[in-house]
Structures are given as C-alpha cells and as structure tokens.
Amino acid sequence: YAIKAQAELALQDICESEVTVNEGFVTIRVLGPRIKKTEFITPKLQGHLDLTFRDELQQEIDGIIREIPGVKGMTCDIEHPHYY
C-alpha cells in the first residue's frame, strides 16, 4: 500500500494515471492527455510528436518510480494523446 500511495502522489502533478502494485512490482497506466489542435499538422508530424511525448514521459516516470523504496520492477503503458 505504501508503494502505491507514494507512486500516486509522485505522479499526480505529471499525468493522469492508474497505479497498481503486486509484491513490489508497479504497473502504471497513463491516460492519454486531451490536446486541442490549434493549427493543422500532418499525420506524420503528429505521430512524431506522440512518440516524443510518450518517450519523455516514460523516462520521467521511470526516474520517479525507481526512487521509491521497495520497488522491484515497473511496467508502464502510456496511451496516445487524444487530439480534438
């Protein structure tokens, strides 16, 4: 319970996520942010931005979760951003 609480607290200002913990292994599901399009972008550029966003967020989450005492491992699923 302590690992889950620490992970949720650490992630609350970074992303909307669901955290579960089983015997020290943390599973995180990051809900894709809703991003309003302000101008036209090509599908190729949108795909590149999605990958960049997800890679940077993954690195940030990895760094945070690894610092929590008792964590043995982590998996993280980051949804693609939703453009509207």
N, C-alpha and C. Protein backbone atom coordinates (compact mmCIF):
# COMPACT_ATOMS: atom_id res chain seq x y z
N TYR A 1 0.83 -1.20 0.00
CA TYR A 1 0.00 0.00 0.00
C TYR A 1 0.86 1.25 0.00
N ALA A 2 1.99 1.23 0.71
CA ALA A 2 2.85 2.41 0.79
C ALA A 2 3.46 2.75 -0.57
N ILE A 3 3.85 1.73 -1.33
CA ILE A 3 4.43 1.98 -2.65
C ILE A 3 3.40 2.62 -3.56
N LYS A 4 2.18 2.09 -3.54
CA LYS A 4 1.12 2.63 -4.39
C LYS A 4 0.83 4.08 -4.03
N ALA A 5 0.73 4.38 -2.75
CA ALA A 5 0.45 5.74 -2.31
C ALA A 5 1.56 6.70 -2.72
N GLN A 6 2.81 6.27 -2.57
CA GLN A 6 3.93 7.12 -2.96
C GLN A 6 3.96 7.35 -4.47
N ALA A 7 3.69 6.31 -5.24
CA ALA A 7 3.68 6.43 -6.70
C ALA A 7 2.56 7.37 -7.15
N GLU A 8 1.38 7.19 -6.60
CA GLU A 8 0.25 8.06 -6.98
C GLU A 8 0.54 9.51 -6.62
N LEU A 9 1.10 9.73 -5.47
CA LEU A 9 1.44 11.10 -5.05
C LEU A 9 2.49 11.71 -5.97
N ALA A 10 3.50 10.94 -6.31
CA ALA A 10 4.58 11.44 -7.17
C ALA A 10 4.10 11.75 -8.58
N LEU A 11 3.12 11.00 -9.07
CA LEU A 11 2.66 11.16 -10.45
C LEU A 11 1.50 12.13 -10.61
N GLN A 12 0.87 12.52 -9.53
CA GLN A 12 -0.36 13.31 -9.65
C GLN A 12 -0.18 14.65 -10.36
N ASP A 13 0.99 15.26 -10.25
CA ASP A 13 1.22 16.54 -10.92
C ASP A 13 1.79 16.38 -12.32
N ILE A 14 2.07 15.14 -12.72
CA ILE A 14 2.70 14.89 -14.02
C ILE A 14 1.70 14.38 -15.04
N CYS A 15 0.86 13.44 -14.62
CA CYS A 15 -0.07 12.82 -15.57
C CYS A 15 -1.23 12.19 -14.82
N GLU A 16 -2.28 11.94 -15.56
CA GLU A 16 -3.42 11.20 -15.02
C GLU A 16 -3.12 9.72 -15.20
N SER A 17 -3.09 8.98 -14.11
CA SER A 17 -2.67 7.58 -14.21
C SER A 17 -3.42 6.70 -13.22
N GLU A 18 -3.34 5.39 -13.50
CA GLU A 18 -3.85 4.37 -12.60
C GLU A 18 -2.66 3.51 -12.19
N VAL A 19 -2.48 3.33 -10.90
CA VAL A 19 -1.33 2.61 -10.37
C VAL A 19 -1.79 1.37 -9.61
N THR A 20 -1.16 0.24 -9.90
CA THR A 20 -1.38 -0.97 -9.11
C THR A 20 -0.01 -1.51 -8.71
N VAL A 21 0.03 -2.21 -7.58
CA VAL A 21 1.28 -2.78 -7.09
C VAL A 21 1.01 -4.21 -6.65
N ASN A 22 1.89 -5.12 -7.04
CA ASN A 22 1.78 -6.51 -6.63
C ASN A 22 3.18 -6.99 -6.24
N GLU A 23 3.39 -7.19 -4.96
CA GLU A 23 4.65 -7.69 -4.41
C GLU A 23 5.86 -6.87 -4.88
N GLY A 24 5.71 -5.55 -4.88
CA GLY A 24 6.81 -4.66 -5.23
C GLY A 24 6.91 -4.32 -6.70
N PHE A 25 6.10 -4.95 -7.54
CA PHE A 25 6.10 -4.66 -8.97
C PHE A 25 4.97 -3.67 -9.28
N VAL A 26 5.34 -2.55 -9.84
CA VAL A 26 4.42 -1.45 -10.08
C VAL A 26 3.95 -1.48 -11.53
N THR A 27 2.64 -1.37 -11.73
CA THR A 27 2.06 -1.26 -13.06
C THR A 27 1.36 0.09 -13.14
N ILE A 28 1.69 0.84 -14.17
CA ILE A 28 1.12 2.18 -14.33
C ILE A 28 0.45 2.26 -15.69
N ARG A 29 -0.75 2.75 -15.70
CA ARG A 29 -1.48 3.03 -16.94
C ARG A 29 -1.69 4.53 -16.99
N VAL A 30 -1.05 5.17 -17.95
CA VAL A 30 -1.16 6.61 -18.09
C VAL A 30 -2.22 6.91 -19.13
N LEU A 31 -3.21 7.68 -18.73
CA LEU A 31 -4.29 8.05 -19.63
C LEU A 31 -3.80 9.14 -20.58
N GLY A 32 -4.10 9.00 -21.85
CA GLY A 32 -3.64 9.97 -22.85
C GLY A 32 -4.26 11.33 -22.62
N PRO A 33 -3.42 12.36 -22.68
CA PRO A 33 -3.96 13.71 -22.48
C PRO A 33 -4.82 14.14 -23.66
N ARG A 34 -5.74 15.04 -23.39
CA ARG A 34 -6.56 15.61 -24.45
C ARG A 34 -5.88 16.91 -24.87
N ILE A 35 -5.52 16.97 -26.16
CA ILE A 35 -4.80 18.12 -26.69
C ILE A 35 -5.63 18.76 -27.79
N LYS A 36 -5.89 20.04 -27.63
CA LYS A 36 -6.66 20.76 -28.63
C LYS A 36 -5.73 21.21 -29.75
N LYS A 37 -6.11 20.88 -30.98
CA LYS A 37 -5.32 21.30 -32.13
C LYS A 37 -5.54 22.80 -32.34
N THR A 38 -4.45 23.52 -32.45
CA THR A 38 -4.56 24.95 -32.69
C THR A 38 -4.25 25.30 -34.14
N GLU A 39 -3.68 24.35 -34.86
CA GLU A 39 -3.39 24.55 -36.28
C GLU A 39 -3.28 23.18 -36.93
N PHE A 40 -3.22 23.18 -38.24
CA PHE A 40 -3.11 21.92 -38.97
C PHE A 40 -1.71 21.35 -38.83
N ILE A 41 -1.64 20.06 -38.50
CA ILE A 41 -0.36 19.36 -38.55
C ILE A 41 -0.57 18.07 -39.34
N THR A 42 0.48 17.67 -40.03
CA THR A 42 0.37 16.46 -40.83
C THR A 42 0.32 15.24 -39.92
N PRO A 43 -0.26 14.16 -40.42
CA PRO A 43 -0.28 12.93 -39.61
C PRO A 43 1.13 12.46 -39.23
N LYS A 44 2.10 12.65 -40.12
CA LYS A 44 3.47 12.24 -39.83
C LYS A 44 4.04 13.05 -38.66
N LEU A 45 3.83 14.36 -38.67
CA LEU A 45 4.30 15.20 -37.58
C LEU A 45 3.58 14.86 -36.28
N GLN A 46 2.27 14.61 -36.37
CA GLN A 46 1.51 14.23 -35.18
C GLN A 46 2.05 12.93 -34.59
N GLY A 47 2.38 11.97 -35.44
CA GLY A 47 2.97 10.72 -34.96
C GLY A 47 4.30 10.93 -34.29
N HIS A 48 5.12 11.81 -34.86
CA HIS A 48 6.42 12.13 -34.25
C HIS A 48 6.24 12.79 -32.89
N LEU A 49 5.30 13.73 -32.80
CA LEU A 49 5.04 14.40 -31.53
C LEU A 49 4.53 13.41 -30.48
N ASP A 50 3.68 12.47 -30.89
CA ASP A 50 3.17 11.45 -29.98
C ASP A 50 4.32 10.62 -29.40
N LEU A 51 5.22 10.16 -30.28
CA LEU A 51 6.34 9.34 -29.83
C LEU A 51 7.26 10.12 -28.90
N THR A 52 7.53 11.37 -29.25
CA THR A 52 8.40 12.21 -28.42
C THR A 52 7.77 12.41 -27.05
N PHE A 53 6.49 12.73 -27.02
CA PHE A 53 5.77 12.94 -25.76
C PHE A 53 5.83 11.68 -24.90
N ARG A 54 5.54 10.54 -25.50
CA ARG A 54 5.50 9.29 -24.75
C ARG A 54 6.89 8.89 -24.24
N ASP A 55 7.92 9.07 -25.07
CA ASP A 55 9.29 8.73 -24.65
C ASP A 55 9.74 9.58 -23.47
N GLU A 56 9.50 10.89 -23.56
CA GLU A 56 9.92 11.79 -22.47
C GLU A 56 9.16 11.50 -21.19
N LEU A 57 7.87 11.24 -21.31
CA LEU A 57 7.06 10.93 -20.13
C LEU A 57 7.51 9.61 -19.51
N GLN A 58 7.81 8.61 -20.35
CA GLN A 58 8.28 7.32 -19.85
C GLN A 58 9.57 7.49 -19.05
N GLN A 59 10.51 8.28 -19.56
CA GLN A 59 11.77 8.50 -18.86
C GLN A 59 11.54 9.19 -17.52
N GLU A 60 10.65 10.17 -17.50
CA GLU A 60 10.36 10.88 -16.26
C GLU A 60 9.73 9.95 -15.23
N ILE A 61 8.77 9.15 -15.65
CA ILE A 61 8.10 8.20 -14.74
C ILE A 61 9.09 7.17 -14.23
N ASP A 62 9.93 6.63 -15.12
CA ASP A 62 10.94 5.65 -14.70
C ASP A 62 11.81 6.20 -13.58
N GLY A 63 12.29 7.43 -13.76
CA GLY A 63 13.15 8.05 -12.76
C GLY A 63 12.46 8.22 -11.42
N ILE A 64 11.21 8.58 -11.45
CA ILE A 64 10.44 8.81 -10.21
C ILE A 64 10.18 7.48 -9.48
N ILE A 65 9.71 6.50 -10.21
CA ILE A 65 9.32 5.23 -9.59
C ILE A 65 10.53 4.48 -9.04
N ARG A 66 11.65 4.55 -9.73
CA ARG A 66 12.87 3.86 -9.26
C ARG A 66 13.36 4.39 -7.91
N GLU A 67 12.99 5.60 -7.56
CA GLU A 67 13.42 6.21 -6.30
C GLU A 67 12.58 5.77 -5.10
N ILE A 68 11.44 5.11 -5.36
CA ILE A 68 10.55 4.69 -4.28
C ILE A 68 11.10 3.41 -3.65
N PRO A 69 11.34 3.42 -2.33
CA PRO A 69 11.85 2.22 -1.66
C PRO A 69 10.88 1.04 -1.80
N GLY A 70 11.44 -0.14 -2.08
CA GLY A 70 10.64 -1.35 -2.16
C GLY A 70 10.20 -1.73 -3.56
N VAL A 71 10.42 -0.85 -4.53
CA VAL A 71 10.02 -1.15 -5.91
C VAL A 71 11.01 -2.15 -6.51
N LYS A 72 10.48 -3.27 -7.00
CA LYS A 72 11.30 -4.32 -7.59
C LYS A 72 11.33 -4.23 -9.12
N GLY A 73 10.30 -3.63 -9.68
CA GLY A 73 10.20 -3.51 -11.12
C GLY A 73 8.99 -2.69 -11.50
N MET A 74 8.92 -2.32 -12.77
CA MET A 74 7.82 -1.47 -13.20
C MET A 74 7.49 -1.72 -14.66
N THR A 75 6.20 -1.68 -14.96
CA THR A 75 5.74 -1.62 -16.34
C THR A 75 4.85 -0.40 -16.45
N CYS A 76 4.92 0.24 -17.61
CA CYS A 76 4.16 1.47 -17.79
C CYS A 76 3.57 1.48 -19.19
N ASP A 77 2.27 1.68 -19.27
CA ASP A 77 1.56 1.76 -20.55
C ASP A 77 1.05 3.18 -20.69
N ILE A 78 1.55 3.89 -21.69
CA ILE A 78 1.15 5.28 -21.90
C ILE A 78 0.28 5.35 -23.15
N GLU A 79 -0.95 5.80 -22.96
CA GLU A 79 -1.86 5.94 -24.09
C GLU A 79 -1.41 7.10 -24.99
N HIS A 80 -1.79 7.02 -26.25
CA HIS A 80 -1.51 8.11 -27.17
C HIS A 80 -2.35 9.33 -26.79
N PRO A 81 -1.83 10.54 -27.02
CA PRO A 81 -2.65 11.73 -26.79
C PRO A 81 -3.89 11.71 -27.69
N HIS A 82 -4.94 12.31 -27.20
CA HIS A 82 -6.19 12.41 -27.98
C HIS A 82 -6.30 13.85 -28.48
N TYR A 83 -6.27 14.01 -29.80
CA TYR A 83 -6.39 15.35 -30.38
C TYR A 83 -7.84 15.62 -30.72
N TYR A 84 -8.26 16.84 -30.48
CA TYR A 84 -9.62 17.23 -30.85
C TYR A 84 -9.64 18.63 -31.42
